[in-house]
Amino acid sequence: MKDLKSELRTRYALNALIMFVVVTISMLLFATAGEVLSAELLSGLLWVVIFFSAMSGLSRTFVSEEDRGTVIFLQLSARPSVVYFGKLLFNLVLIFGINFFVVVAYLLTMENFKVRSFDVFLVALILGGMGLASTSTIIAAIIAKANTKGTLYPVLSFPILLPLLITAINMTQLSIEGASLAETTGHLRILFSYFFVVIIASYLLFDYIWKE
């Protein structure tokens, strides 16, 4: 709640994210003008925009505490699990906001992006967003004390998020092709498993990561 109030007051991350999404989609439009893009390519481009938008905003959760010098106070006043789940909740709100804005902008600007199975598309966005937020939160805690946070964050995140992104892209492609939710059972299991494994591992390791 503290992070959400602070973000709504300063709008640092929100403004940066909105500008990033607008610029990225504009560049995609110029680069693909006159081209007929396949469902696979459109799905991949959508998740590329979501991934880099998330990398621009989600690292702020722990970096801002370091910048303000409030880490020690937070460590003394709250249990690590409370801090972790509070930061995770903030990142979930932020990633769902990012996804909503990106998808609306994408649907309005990409003429060939026609979703036929909205239930599959919505589930892919929700589970993909949950996986992005959970992984980004624990990596943000790892890199918070590093000198090269901006570079380290996407470099560390990408290999860990790759299985999630590939699955989310495949589900998005299936939603464009009109597949039913039952046909995506394998993808749903991967996305659910990914989220719960990351959450459990983060809960067990967060105390050591945050205080070292």
N, C-alpha and C. Protein backbone atom coordinates (compact mmCIF):
# COMPACT_ATOMS: atom_id res chain seq x y z
N MET A 1 0.84 -1.21 0.00
CA MET A 1 0.00 0.00 0.00
C MET A 1 0.87 1.26 0.00
N LYS A 2 2.00 1.22 0.79
CA LYS A 2 2.90 2.37 0.83
C LYS A 2 3.48 2.65 -0.55
N ASP A 3 3.91 1.58 -1.25
CA ASP A 3 4.48 1.74 -2.59
C ASP A 3 3.46 2.28 -3.56
N LEU A 4 2.22 1.79 -3.44
CA LEU A 4 1.17 2.23 -4.36
C LEU A 4 0.86 3.71 -4.17
N LYS A 5 0.77 4.15 -2.90
CA LYS A 5 0.51 5.57 -2.62
C LYS A 5 1.67 6.44 -3.11
N SER A 6 2.89 5.95 -2.88
CA SER A 6 4.07 6.71 -3.31
C SER A 6 4.11 6.83 -4.83
N GLU A 7 3.76 5.73 -5.53
CA GLU A 7 3.78 5.74 -6.98
C GLU A 7 2.70 6.65 -7.55
N LEU A 8 1.51 6.61 -6.93
CA LEU A 8 0.42 7.47 -7.40
C LEU A 8 0.74 8.94 -7.17
N ARG A 9 1.56 9.22 -6.12
CA ARG A 9 1.92 10.61 -5.84
C ARG A 9 2.99 11.11 -6.80
N THR A 10 4.03 10.29 -7.01
CA THR A 10 5.14 10.76 -7.86
C THR A 10 4.93 10.42 -9.34
N ARG A 11 4.26 9.25 -9.60
CA ARG A 11 4.00 8.76 -10.96
C ARG A 11 5.28 8.60 -11.77
N TYR A 12 6.38 8.33 -11.07
CA TYR A 12 7.66 8.18 -11.76
C TYR A 12 7.62 6.99 -12.71
N ALA A 13 7.29 5.81 -12.14
CA ALA A 13 7.29 4.59 -12.95
C ALA A 13 6.16 4.60 -13.97
N LEU A 14 4.98 5.10 -13.57
CA LEU A 14 3.82 5.10 -14.47
C LEU A 14 4.09 5.92 -15.72
N ASN A 15 4.61 7.13 -15.52
CA ASN A 15 4.90 7.99 -16.68
C ASN A 15 5.96 7.37 -17.59
N ALA A 16 7.00 6.78 -16.97
CA ALA A 16 8.07 6.16 -17.76
C ALA A 16 7.52 4.97 -18.54
N LEU A 17 6.64 4.19 -17.91
CA LEU A 17 6.07 3.02 -18.58
C LEU A 17 5.17 3.41 -19.74
N ILE A 18 4.34 4.41 -19.52
CA ILE A 18 3.43 4.85 -20.59
C ILE A 18 4.22 5.35 -21.79
N MET A 19 5.25 6.14 -21.53
CA MET A 19 6.08 6.65 -22.63
C MET A 19 6.80 5.51 -23.34
N PHE A 20 7.28 4.54 -22.56
CA PHE A 20 7.99 3.40 -23.16
C PHE A 20 7.07 2.61 -24.09
N VAL A 21 5.84 2.34 -23.63
CA VAL A 21 4.89 1.57 -24.43
C VAL A 21 4.53 2.33 -25.71
N VAL A 22 4.27 3.62 -25.59
CA VAL A 22 3.89 4.42 -26.75
C VAL A 22 5.01 4.44 -27.79
N VAL A 23 6.25 4.68 -27.31
CA VAL A 23 7.39 4.74 -28.23
C VAL A 23 7.64 3.38 -28.88
N THR A 24 7.57 2.29 -28.09
CA THR A 24 7.85 0.96 -28.62
C THR A 24 6.82 0.55 -29.68
N ILE A 25 5.53 0.76 -29.40
CA ILE A 25 4.50 0.39 -30.37
C ILE A 25 4.59 1.27 -31.62
N SER A 26 4.95 2.53 -31.45
CA SER A 26 5.12 3.41 -32.62
C SER A 26 6.26 2.91 -33.50
N MET A 27 7.36 2.47 -32.88
CA MET A 27 8.48 1.94 -33.66
C MET A 27 8.09 0.65 -34.38
N LEU A 28 7.29 -0.18 -33.71
CA LEU A 28 6.84 -1.42 -34.36
C LEU A 28 5.97 -1.11 -35.57
N LEU A 29 5.11 -0.10 -35.43
CA LEU A 29 4.24 0.28 -36.55
C LEU A 29 5.05 0.76 -37.74
N PHE A 30 6.07 1.59 -37.49
CA PHE A 30 6.90 2.08 -38.58
C PHE A 30 7.70 0.94 -39.22
N ALA A 31 8.21 0.04 -38.35
CA ALA A 31 9.07 -1.04 -38.85
C ALA A 31 8.29 -2.08 -39.66
N THR A 32 6.98 -2.24 -39.33
CA THR A 32 6.20 -3.30 -40.00
C THR A 32 5.16 -2.73 -40.96
N ALA A 33 5.29 -1.45 -41.29
CA ALA A 33 4.30 -0.82 -42.18
C ALA A 33 4.24 -1.54 -43.52
N GLY A 34 3.02 -1.93 -43.94
CA GLY A 34 2.85 -2.60 -45.23
C GLY A 34 3.09 -4.08 -45.19
N GLU A 35 3.57 -4.62 -44.06
CA GLU A 35 3.86 -6.05 -43.95
C GLU A 35 2.64 -6.78 -43.38
N VAL A 36 2.43 -8.02 -43.82
CA VAL A 36 1.38 -8.86 -43.25
C VAL A 36 2.04 -9.80 -42.23
N LEU A 37 1.77 -9.56 -40.95
CA LEU A 37 2.45 -10.31 -39.89
C LEU A 37 1.66 -11.55 -39.53
N SER A 38 2.38 -12.65 -39.27
CA SER A 38 1.73 -13.90 -38.88
C SER A 38 1.26 -13.81 -37.42
N ALA A 39 0.38 -14.75 -37.03
CA ALA A 39 -0.11 -14.78 -35.65
C ALA A 39 1.03 -15.02 -34.67
N GLU A 40 1.98 -15.85 -35.07
CA GLU A 40 3.13 -16.14 -34.20
C GLU A 40 3.96 -14.90 -33.96
N LEU A 41 4.22 -14.14 -35.03
CA LEU A 41 5.04 -12.92 -34.90
C LEU A 41 4.31 -11.86 -34.09
N LEU A 42 3.01 -11.69 -34.32
CA LEU A 42 2.23 -10.70 -33.57
C LEU A 42 2.21 -11.05 -32.08
N SER A 43 2.09 -12.35 -31.77
CA SER A 43 2.09 -12.77 -30.36
C SER A 43 3.44 -12.50 -29.73
N GLY A 44 4.51 -12.81 -30.46
CA GLY A 44 5.85 -12.58 -29.93
C GLY A 44 6.12 -11.11 -29.69
N LEU A 45 5.71 -10.25 -30.63
CA LEU A 45 5.93 -8.81 -30.47
C LEU A 45 5.16 -8.25 -29.28
N LEU A 46 3.94 -8.77 -29.07
CA LEU A 46 3.15 -8.31 -27.92
C LEU A 46 3.89 -8.60 -26.61
N TRP A 47 4.43 -9.79 -26.47
CA TRP A 47 5.11 -10.15 -25.22
C TRP A 47 6.49 -9.51 -25.11
N VAL A 48 7.09 -9.15 -26.23
CA VAL A 48 8.35 -8.38 -26.16
C VAL A 48 8.07 -7.01 -25.54
N VAL A 49 6.97 -6.37 -25.98
CA VAL A 49 6.61 -5.07 -25.41
C VAL A 49 6.29 -5.21 -23.92
N ILE A 50 5.52 -6.24 -23.57
CA ILE A 50 5.18 -6.44 -22.15
C ILE A 50 6.43 -6.72 -21.32
N PHE A 51 7.34 -7.55 -21.83
CA PHE A 51 8.55 -7.91 -21.08
C PHE A 51 9.41 -6.68 -20.80
N PHE A 52 9.70 -5.89 -21.83
CA PHE A 52 10.59 -4.74 -21.63
C PHE A 52 9.89 -3.63 -20.83
N SER A 53 8.57 -3.53 -20.94
CA SER A 53 7.85 -2.57 -20.11
C SER A 53 7.97 -2.98 -18.65
N ALA A 54 7.82 -4.28 -18.38
CA ALA A 54 7.93 -4.78 -17.00
C ALA A 54 9.33 -4.54 -16.47
N MET A 55 10.35 -4.74 -17.31
CA MET A 55 11.73 -4.53 -16.86
C MET A 55 11.99 -3.06 -16.51
N SER A 56 11.24 -2.17 -17.16
CA SER A 56 11.42 -0.74 -16.90
C SER A 56 10.81 -0.30 -15.57
N GLY A 57 9.78 -1.02 -15.11
CA GLY A 57 9.06 -0.53 -13.94
C GLY A 57 9.13 -1.39 -12.70
N LEU A 58 9.22 -2.71 -12.85
CA LEU A 58 9.09 -3.59 -11.69
C LEU A 58 10.32 -3.59 -10.78
N SER A 59 11.48 -3.19 -11.29
CA SER A 59 12.67 -3.19 -10.43
C SER A 59 12.61 -2.12 -9.36
N ARG A 60 11.70 -1.15 -9.51
CA ARG A 60 11.63 -0.02 -8.58
C ARG A 60 11.24 -0.44 -7.16
N THR A 61 10.65 -1.61 -7.01
CA THR A 61 10.13 -2.02 -5.70
C THR A 61 11.18 -1.98 -4.61
N PHE A 62 12.35 -2.54 -4.87
CA PHE A 62 13.41 -2.56 -3.86
C PHE A 62 14.46 -1.49 -4.10
N VAL A 63 14.66 -1.11 -5.35
CA VAL A 63 15.65 -0.07 -5.67
C VAL A 63 15.26 1.26 -5.01
N SER A 64 13.98 1.57 -5.00
CA SER A 64 13.53 2.84 -4.40
C SER A 64 13.80 2.86 -2.90
N GLU A 65 13.70 1.69 -2.23
CA GLU A 65 14.02 1.64 -0.79
C GLU A 65 15.50 1.92 -0.56
N GLU A 66 16.36 1.39 -1.44
CA GLU A 66 17.80 1.65 -1.34
C GLU A 66 18.10 3.12 -1.59
N ASP A 67 17.46 3.69 -2.62
CA ASP A 67 17.71 5.09 -2.97
C ASP A 67 17.27 6.04 -1.84
N ARG A 68 16.15 5.70 -1.18
CA ARG A 68 15.65 6.57 -0.11
C ARG A 68 16.32 6.29 1.23
N GLY A 69 17.08 5.20 1.31
CA GLY A 69 17.74 4.83 2.56
C GLY A 69 16.79 4.31 3.62
N THR A 70 15.68 3.70 3.21
CA THR A 70 14.68 3.21 4.16
C THR A 70 14.74 1.69 4.37
N VAL A 71 15.78 1.06 3.82
CA VAL A 71 15.86 -0.40 3.90
C VAL A 71 16.02 -0.87 5.35
N ILE A 72 16.92 -0.22 6.10
CA ILE A 72 17.17 -0.63 7.49
C ILE A 72 15.90 -0.50 8.31
N PHE A 73 15.20 0.61 8.15
CA PHE A 73 13.95 0.81 8.88
C PHE A 73 12.94 -0.28 8.55
N LEU A 74 12.87 -0.63 7.27
CA LEU A 74 11.93 -1.67 6.83
C LEU A 74 12.30 -3.03 7.40
N GLN A 75 13.61 -3.30 7.45
CA GLN A 75 14.07 -4.59 7.98
C GLN A 75 13.78 -4.71 9.48
N LEU A 76 13.83 -3.57 10.19
CA LEU A 76 13.60 -3.61 11.64
C LEU A 76 12.12 -3.60 12.00
N SER A 77 11.29 -3.07 11.12
CA SER A 77 9.89 -2.86 11.47
C SER A 77 8.93 -3.92 10.93
N ALA A 78 9.39 -4.75 9.99
CA ALA A 78 8.45 -5.71 9.38
C ALA A 78 9.14 -7.05 9.14
N ARG A 79 8.35 -8.10 9.20
CA ARG A 79 8.89 -9.43 8.90
C ARG A 79 9.20 -9.54 7.41
N PRO A 80 10.25 -10.30 7.04
CA PRO A 80 10.62 -10.43 5.62
C PRO A 80 9.47 -10.93 4.75
N SER A 81 8.70 -11.89 5.24
CA SER A 81 7.60 -12.43 4.43
C SER A 81 6.54 -11.35 4.14
N VAL A 82 6.30 -10.48 5.14
CA VAL A 82 5.32 -9.40 4.94
C VAL A 82 5.83 -8.43 3.87
N VAL A 83 7.13 -8.10 3.96
CA VAL A 83 7.72 -7.18 2.97
C VAL A 83 7.65 -7.80 1.57
N TYR A 84 8.03 -9.08 1.47
CA TYR A 84 8.03 -9.73 0.15
C TYR A 84 6.64 -9.75 -0.47
N PHE A 85 5.64 -10.18 0.31
CA PHE A 85 4.30 -10.27 -0.28
C PHE A 85 3.70 -8.87 -0.54
N GLY A 86 4.10 -7.88 0.25
CA GLY A 86 3.66 -6.51 -0.02
C GLY A 86 4.23 -6.01 -1.34
N LYS A 87 5.54 -6.25 -1.56
CA LYS A 87 6.17 -5.84 -2.82
C LYS A 87 5.60 -6.62 -4.00
N LEU A 88 5.33 -7.90 -3.77
CA LEU A 88 4.74 -8.73 -4.84
C LEU A 88 3.36 -8.20 -5.23
N LEU A 89 2.57 -7.84 -4.23
CA LEU A 89 1.23 -7.31 -4.51
C LEU A 89 1.31 -6.03 -5.33
N PHE A 90 2.26 -5.15 -4.98
CA PHE A 90 2.43 -3.90 -5.74
C PHE A 90 2.82 -4.21 -7.19
N ASN A 91 3.75 -5.15 -7.36
CA ASN A 91 4.17 -5.51 -8.72
C ASN A 91 3.04 -6.15 -9.52
N LEU A 92 2.18 -6.92 -8.84
CA LEU A 92 1.03 -7.51 -9.53
C LEU A 92 0.09 -6.43 -10.05
N VAL A 93 -0.19 -5.44 -9.20
CA VAL A 93 -1.05 -4.33 -9.62
C VAL A 93 -0.42 -3.60 -10.80
N LEU A 94 0.90 -3.37 -10.71
CA LEU A 94 1.60 -2.63 -11.77
C LEU A 94 1.61 -3.43 -13.09
N ILE A 95 1.87 -4.74 -13.02
CA ILE A 95 1.95 -5.52 -14.25
C ILE A 95 0.58 -5.67 -14.90
N PHE A 96 -0.49 -5.78 -14.10
CA PHE A 96 -1.82 -5.86 -14.70
C PHE A 96 -2.19 -4.52 -15.36
N GLY A 97 -1.76 -3.43 -14.75
CA GLY A 97 -1.96 -2.12 -15.37
C GLY A 97 -1.20 -2.00 -16.68
N ILE A 98 0.07 -2.48 -16.67
CA ILE A 98 0.88 -2.46 -17.89
C ILE A 98 0.22 -3.30 -18.98
N ASN A 99 -0.19 -4.51 -18.61
CA ASN A 99 -0.81 -5.42 -19.60
C ASN A 99 -2.06 -4.81 -20.21
N PHE A 100 -2.87 -4.20 -19.37
CA PHE A 100 -4.12 -3.58 -19.87
C PHE A 100 -3.79 -2.48 -20.88
N PHE A 101 -2.86 -1.61 -20.53
CA PHE A 101 -2.52 -0.49 -21.40
C PHE A 101 -1.88 -0.99 -22.71
N VAL A 102 -0.97 -1.96 -22.60
CA VAL A 102 -0.28 -2.49 -23.79
C VAL A 102 -1.29 -3.16 -24.72
N VAL A 103 -2.18 -3.98 -24.17
CA VAL A 103 -3.14 -4.73 -25.00
C VAL A 103 -4.10 -3.78 -25.71
N VAL A 104 -4.60 -2.77 -24.98
CA VAL A 104 -5.51 -1.81 -25.62
C VAL A 104 -4.80 -1.08 -26.76
N ALA A 105 -3.57 -0.62 -26.49
CA ALA A 105 -2.81 0.09 -27.53
C ALA A 105 -2.50 -0.84 -28.71
N TYR A 106 -2.18 -2.09 -28.40
CA TYR A 106 -1.86 -3.07 -29.44
C TYR A 106 -3.08 -3.39 -30.30
N LEU A 107 -4.23 -3.59 -29.67
CA LEU A 107 -5.45 -3.90 -30.42
C LEU A 107 -5.86 -2.74 -31.32
N LEU A 108 -5.63 -1.51 -30.85
CA LEU A 108 -6.03 -0.33 -31.62
C LEU A 108 -5.10 -0.05 -32.80
N THR A 109 -3.84 -0.46 -32.67
CA THR A 109 -2.86 -0.08 -33.70
C THR A 109 -2.47 -1.22 -34.65
N MET A 110 -2.49 -2.46 -34.17
CA MET A 110 -2.10 -3.59 -35.02
C MET A 110 -3.33 -4.17 -35.71
N GLU A 111 -3.49 -3.87 -36.98
CA GLU A 111 -4.71 -4.24 -37.71
C GLU A 111 -4.92 -5.75 -37.78
N ASN A 112 -3.83 -6.51 -37.92
CA ASN A 112 -3.95 -7.97 -38.09
C ASN A 112 -4.06 -8.73 -36.78
N PHE A 113 -4.00 -8.01 -35.66
CA PHE A 113 -4.06 -8.69 -34.35
C PHE A 113 -5.53 -8.88 -33.97
N LYS A 114 -6.10 -10.02 -34.36
CA LYS A 114 -7.51 -10.32 -34.10
C LYS A 114 -7.60 -11.54 -33.18
N VAL A 115 -8.06 -11.33 -31.96
CA VAL A 115 -8.18 -12.43 -31.00
C VAL A 115 -9.53 -13.11 -31.18
N ARG A 116 -9.51 -14.43 -31.39
CA ARG A 116 -10.76 -15.17 -31.57
C ARG A 116 -11.21 -15.86 -30.29
N SER A 117 -10.27 -16.23 -29.43
CA SER A 117 -10.64 -16.86 -28.15
C SER A 117 -10.21 -15.93 -27.02
N PHE A 118 -11.15 -15.10 -26.56
CA PHE A 118 -10.81 -14.11 -25.54
C PHE A 118 -10.52 -14.76 -24.19
N ASP A 119 -11.17 -15.92 -23.90
CA ASP A 119 -10.89 -16.57 -22.62
C ASP A 119 -9.44 -17.07 -22.56
N VAL A 120 -8.96 -17.66 -23.66
CA VAL A 120 -7.57 -18.13 -23.71
C VAL A 120 -6.62 -16.94 -23.61
N PHE A 121 -6.93 -15.88 -24.33
CA PHE A 121 -6.08 -14.68 -24.33
C PHE A 121 -6.02 -14.05 -22.92
N LEU A 122 -7.18 -13.98 -22.26
CA LEU A 122 -7.23 -13.37 -20.93
C LEU A 122 -6.46 -14.21 -19.91
N VAL A 123 -6.61 -15.52 -19.97
CA VAL A 123 -5.88 -16.40 -19.05
C VAL A 123 -4.38 -16.30 -19.28
N ALA A 124 -3.97 -16.22 -20.54
CA ALA A 124 -2.53 -16.07 -20.86
C ALA A 124 -1.98 -14.77 -20.27
N LEU A 125 -2.76 -13.69 -20.39
CA LEU A 125 -2.31 -12.40 -19.85
C LEU A 125 -2.21 -12.43 -18.33
N ILE A 126 -3.23 -13.03 -17.68
CA ILE A 126 -3.26 -13.05 -16.20
C ILE A 126 -2.13 -13.93 -15.66
N LEU A 127 -2.03 -15.17 -16.16
CA LEU A 127 -1.00 -16.08 -15.64
C LEU A 127 0.41 -15.62 -16.05
N GLY A 128 0.54 -15.10 -17.27
CA GLY A 128 1.83 -14.56 -17.69
C GLY A 128 2.23 -13.37 -16.84
N GLY A 129 1.28 -12.51 -16.52
CA GLY A 129 1.55 -11.36 -15.67
C GLY A 129 1.93 -11.78 -14.26
N MET A 130 1.26 -12.79 -13.71
CA MET A 130 1.58 -13.28 -12.37
C MET A 130 3.00 -13.85 -12.34
N GLY A 131 3.38 -14.59 -13.38
CA GLY A 131 4.74 -15.13 -13.44
C GLY A 131 5.78 -14.03 -13.56
N LEU A 132 5.50 -13.03 -14.40
CA LEU A 132 6.42 -11.90 -14.55
C LEU A 132 6.61 -11.15 -13.24
N ALA A 133 5.50 -10.89 -12.53
CA ALA A 133 5.56 -10.14 -11.29
C ALA A 133 6.32 -10.91 -10.20
N SER A 134 6.05 -12.21 -10.08
CA SER A 134 6.70 -13.00 -9.02
C SER A 134 8.21 -13.08 -9.26
N THR A 135 8.62 -13.35 -10.49
CA THR A 135 10.05 -13.45 -10.79
C THR A 135 10.74 -12.09 -10.67
N SER A 136 10.09 -11.06 -11.18
CA SER A 136 10.69 -9.72 -11.15
C SER A 136 10.88 -9.23 -9.72
N THR A 137 9.97 -9.61 -8.83
CA THR A 137 10.06 -9.14 -7.43
C THR A 137 11.30 -9.71 -6.75
N ILE A 138 11.55 -11.01 -6.88
CA ILE A 138 12.70 -11.60 -6.19
C ILE A 138 14.01 -11.16 -6.84
N ILE A 139 14.01 -10.97 -8.18
CA ILE A 139 15.23 -10.49 -8.83
C ILE A 139 15.51 -9.04 -8.46
N ALA A 140 14.45 -8.25 -8.28
CA ALA A 140 14.64 -6.86 -7.84
C ALA A 140 15.31 -6.82 -6.47
N ALA A 141 14.97 -7.77 -5.59
CA ALA A 141 15.60 -7.83 -4.26
C ALA A 141 17.08 -8.21 -4.39
N ILE A 142 17.40 -9.08 -5.37
CA ILE A 142 18.79 -9.52 -5.55
C ILE A 142 19.67 -8.38 -6.05
N ILE A 143 19.16 -7.60 -7.01
CA ILE A 143 20.01 -6.58 -7.65
C ILE A 143 19.94 -5.21 -6.98
N ALA A 144 19.13 -5.09 -5.91
CA ALA A 144 18.89 -3.76 -5.31
C ALA A 144 20.18 -3.09 -4.84
N LYS A 145 21.15 -3.87 -4.36
CA LYS A 145 22.39 -3.28 -3.84
C LYS A 145 23.50 -3.19 -4.89
N ALA A 146 23.23 -3.69 -6.10
CA ALA A 146 24.27 -3.68 -7.14
C ALA A 146 24.47 -2.28 -7.71
N ASN A 147 25.66 -2.02 -8.24
CA ASN A 147 25.94 -0.70 -8.82
C ASN A 147 25.32 -0.54 -10.20
N THR A 148 25.22 -1.66 -10.95
CA THR A 148 24.69 -1.60 -12.32
C THR A 148 23.30 -2.25 -12.37
N LYS A 149 22.38 -1.66 -11.64
CA LYS A 149 21.03 -2.25 -11.53
C LYS A 149 20.32 -2.31 -12.88
N GLY A 150 20.41 -1.21 -13.64
CA GLY A 150 19.66 -1.11 -14.89
C GLY A 150 20.03 -2.19 -15.89
N THR A 151 21.34 -2.52 -15.95
CA THR A 151 21.80 -3.55 -16.89
C THR A 151 21.56 -4.94 -16.34
N LEU A 152 21.83 -5.09 -15.05
CA LEU A 152 21.77 -6.42 -14.42
C LEU A 152 20.35 -6.99 -14.39
N TYR A 153 19.37 -6.12 -14.22
CA TYR A 153 17.99 -6.59 -14.03
C TYR A 153 17.46 -7.39 -15.24
N PRO A 154 17.48 -6.84 -16.45
CA PRO A 154 17.00 -7.64 -17.60
C PRO A 154 17.91 -8.81 -17.92
N VAL A 155 19.23 -8.67 -17.69
CA VAL A 155 20.16 -9.77 -17.98
C VAL A 155 19.87 -10.97 -17.10
N LEU A 156 19.61 -10.73 -15.81
CA LEU A 156 19.28 -11.83 -14.90
C LEU A 156 17.88 -12.36 -15.15
N SER A 157 16.97 -11.48 -15.49
CA SER A 157 15.55 -11.87 -15.60
C SER A 157 15.29 -12.71 -16.85
N PHE A 158 15.92 -12.35 -17.97
CA PHE A 158 15.54 -12.98 -19.24
C PHE A 158 15.66 -14.51 -19.25
N PRO A 159 16.82 -15.10 -18.85
CA PRO A 159 16.88 -16.57 -18.89
C PRO A 159 15.89 -17.24 -17.95
N ILE A 160 15.59 -16.60 -16.83
CA ILE A 160 14.63 -17.20 -15.88
C ILE A 160 13.20 -17.08 -16.41
N LEU A 161 12.93 -15.98 -17.12
CA LEU A 161 11.57 -15.75 -17.63
C LEU A 161 11.33 -16.41 -19.00
N LEU A 162 12.38 -16.91 -19.63
CA LEU A 162 12.23 -17.45 -20.99
C LEU A 162 11.16 -18.55 -21.10
N PRO A 163 11.14 -19.57 -20.21
CA PRO A 163 10.08 -20.60 -20.32
C PRO A 163 8.67 -20.00 -20.19
N LEU A 164 8.55 -19.02 -19.29
CA LEU A 164 7.25 -18.37 -19.11
C LEU A 164 6.83 -17.61 -20.35
N LEU A 165 7.78 -16.85 -20.94
CA LEU A 165 7.46 -16.04 -22.11
C LEU A 165 7.10 -16.92 -23.31
N ILE A 166 7.84 -18.00 -23.50
CA ILE A 166 7.54 -18.90 -24.63
C ILE A 166 6.13 -19.50 -24.49
N THR A 167 5.80 -19.92 -23.27
CA THR A 167 4.46 -20.49 -23.04
C THR A 167 3.37 -19.44 -23.25
N ALA A 168 3.59 -18.23 -22.74
CA ALA A 168 2.60 -17.16 -22.89
C ALA A 168 2.42 -16.79 -24.38
N ILE A 169 3.54 -16.76 -25.12
CA ILE A 169 3.46 -16.45 -26.56
C ILE A 169 2.66 -17.54 -27.29
N ASN A 170 2.92 -18.80 -26.95
CA ASN A 170 2.19 -19.90 -27.59
C ASN A 170 0.69 -19.82 -27.30
N MET A 171 0.35 -19.49 -26.04
CA MET A 171 -1.08 -19.36 -25.69
C MET A 171 -1.73 -18.20 -26.42
N THR A 172 -1.00 -17.10 -26.56
CA THR A 172 -1.54 -15.94 -27.29
C THR A 172 -1.76 -16.30 -28.76
N GLN A 173 -0.82 -17.03 -29.32
CA GLN A 173 -0.97 -17.47 -30.72
C GLN A 173 -2.21 -18.37 -30.86
N LEU A 174 -2.41 -19.27 -29.91
CA LEU A 174 -3.58 -20.16 -29.95
C LEU A 174 -4.88 -19.36 -29.83
N SER A 175 -4.85 -18.29 -29.04
CA SER A 175 -6.05 -17.46 -28.90
C SER A 175 -6.38 -16.75 -30.21
N ILE A 176 -5.35 -16.37 -30.97
CA ILE A 176 -5.58 -15.75 -32.28
C ILE A 176 -6.14 -16.77 -33.27
N GLU A 177 -5.68 -18.01 -33.14
CA GLU A 177 -6.13 -19.08 -34.06
C GLU A 177 -7.49 -19.66 -33.66
N GLY A 178 -8.02 -19.23 -32.49
CA GLY A 178 -9.36 -19.66 -32.09
C GLY A 178 -9.41 -20.96 -31.31
N ALA A 179 -8.31 -21.35 -30.64
CA ALA A 179 -8.30 -22.59 -29.85
C ALA A 179 -9.17 -22.44 -28.60
N SER A 180 -9.71 -23.55 -28.14
CA SER A 180 -10.52 -23.50 -26.91
C SER A 180 -9.59 -23.62 -25.69
N LEU A 181 -10.15 -23.30 -24.52
CA LEU A 181 -9.35 -23.35 -23.29
C LEU A 181 -8.89 -24.78 -22.98
N ALA A 182 -9.72 -25.76 -23.35
CA ALA A 182 -9.36 -27.16 -23.10
C ALA A 182 -8.13 -27.58 -23.91
N GLU A 183 -7.93 -26.95 -25.05
CA GLU A 183 -6.78 -27.30 -25.89
C GLU A 183 -5.47 -26.72 -25.36
N THR A 184 -5.56 -25.86 -24.36
CA THR A 184 -4.35 -25.23 -23.83
C THR A 184 -4.00 -25.76 -22.43
N THR A 185 -4.51 -26.93 -22.09
CA THR A 185 -4.30 -27.48 -20.74
C THR A 185 -2.80 -27.60 -20.40
N GLY A 186 -2.01 -28.06 -21.35
CA GLY A 186 -0.57 -28.20 -21.11
C GLY A 186 0.09 -26.87 -20.78
N HIS A 187 -0.29 -25.83 -21.52
CA HIS A 187 0.27 -24.49 -21.27
C HIS A 187 -0.18 -23.96 -19.90
N LEU A 188 -1.43 -24.23 -19.55
CA LEU A 188 -1.93 -23.76 -18.25
C LEU A 188 -1.16 -24.41 -17.10
N ARG A 189 -0.87 -25.69 -17.23
CA ARG A 189 -0.11 -26.38 -16.18
C ARG A 189 1.28 -25.77 -16.02
N ILE A 190 1.91 -25.45 -17.16
CA ILE A 190 3.26 -24.85 -17.09
C ILE A 190 3.21 -23.50 -16.39
N LEU A 191 2.23 -22.66 -16.77
CA LEU A 191 2.14 -21.31 -16.19
C LEU A 191 1.80 -21.36 -14.71
N PHE A 192 0.86 -22.24 -14.31
CA PHE A 192 0.52 -22.39 -12.89
C PHE A 192 1.73 -22.90 -12.11
N SER A 193 2.39 -23.92 -12.64
CA SER A 193 3.55 -24.52 -11.95
C SER A 193 4.66 -23.49 -11.79
N TYR A 194 4.92 -22.75 -12.86
CA TYR A 194 5.98 -21.73 -12.83
C TYR A 194 5.71 -20.72 -11.70
N PHE A 195 4.48 -20.23 -11.64
CA PHE A 195 4.14 -19.21 -10.65
C PHE A 195 4.32 -19.75 -9.22
N PHE A 196 3.79 -20.94 -8.95
CA PHE A 196 3.84 -21.46 -7.58
C PHE A 196 5.26 -21.86 -7.18
N VAL A 197 6.06 -22.38 -8.11
CA VAL A 197 7.45 -22.72 -7.79
C VAL A 197 8.24 -21.46 -7.43
N VAL A 198 8.06 -20.40 -8.22
CA VAL A 198 8.78 -19.14 -7.97
C VAL A 198 8.34 -18.54 -6.63
N ILE A 199 7.03 -18.58 -6.35
CA ILE A 199 6.53 -18.01 -5.10
C ILE A 199 7.09 -18.77 -3.89
N ILE A 200 7.06 -20.09 -3.93
CA ILE A 200 7.55 -20.89 -2.80
C ILE A 200 9.06 -20.70 -2.62
N ALA A 201 9.82 -20.76 -3.72
CA ALA A 201 11.27 -20.57 -3.63
C ALA A 201 11.60 -19.16 -3.11
N SER A 202 10.87 -18.15 -3.57
CA SER A 202 11.11 -16.77 -3.13
C SER A 202 10.80 -16.62 -1.65
N TYR A 203 9.71 -17.23 -1.19
CA TYR A 203 9.32 -17.14 0.23
C TYR A 203 10.40 -17.76 1.12
N LEU A 204 10.96 -18.89 0.68
CA LEU A 204 11.96 -19.58 1.49
C LEU A 204 13.30 -18.84 1.48
N LEU A 205 13.64 -18.19 0.37
CA LEU A 205 14.99 -17.58 0.23
C LEU A 205 15.02 -16.08 0.50
N PHE A 206 13.86 -15.45 0.55
CA PHE A 206 13.85 -13.98 0.59
C PHE A 206 14.60 -13.41 1.80
N ASP A 207 14.44 -14.03 2.96
CA ASP A 207 15.10 -13.52 4.17
C ASP A 207 16.62 -13.45 3.98
N TYR A 208 17.21 -14.49 3.37
CA TYR A 208 18.67 -14.52 3.16
C TYR A 208 19.09 -13.53 2.09
N ILE A 209 18.30 -13.43 1.02
CA ILE A 209 18.64 -12.52 -0.09
C ILE A 209 18.58 -11.07 0.35
N TRP A 210 17.54 -10.72 1.07
CA TRP A 210 17.28 -9.31 1.39
C TRP A 210 18.24 -8.76 2.44
N LYS A 211 18.65 -9.61 3.39
CA LYS A 211 19.47 -9.10 4.49
C LYS A 211 20.96 -9.29 4.27
N GLU A 212 21.35 -9.98 3.20
CA GLU A 212 22.79 -10.18 2.93
C GLU A 212 23.34 -9.03 2.10
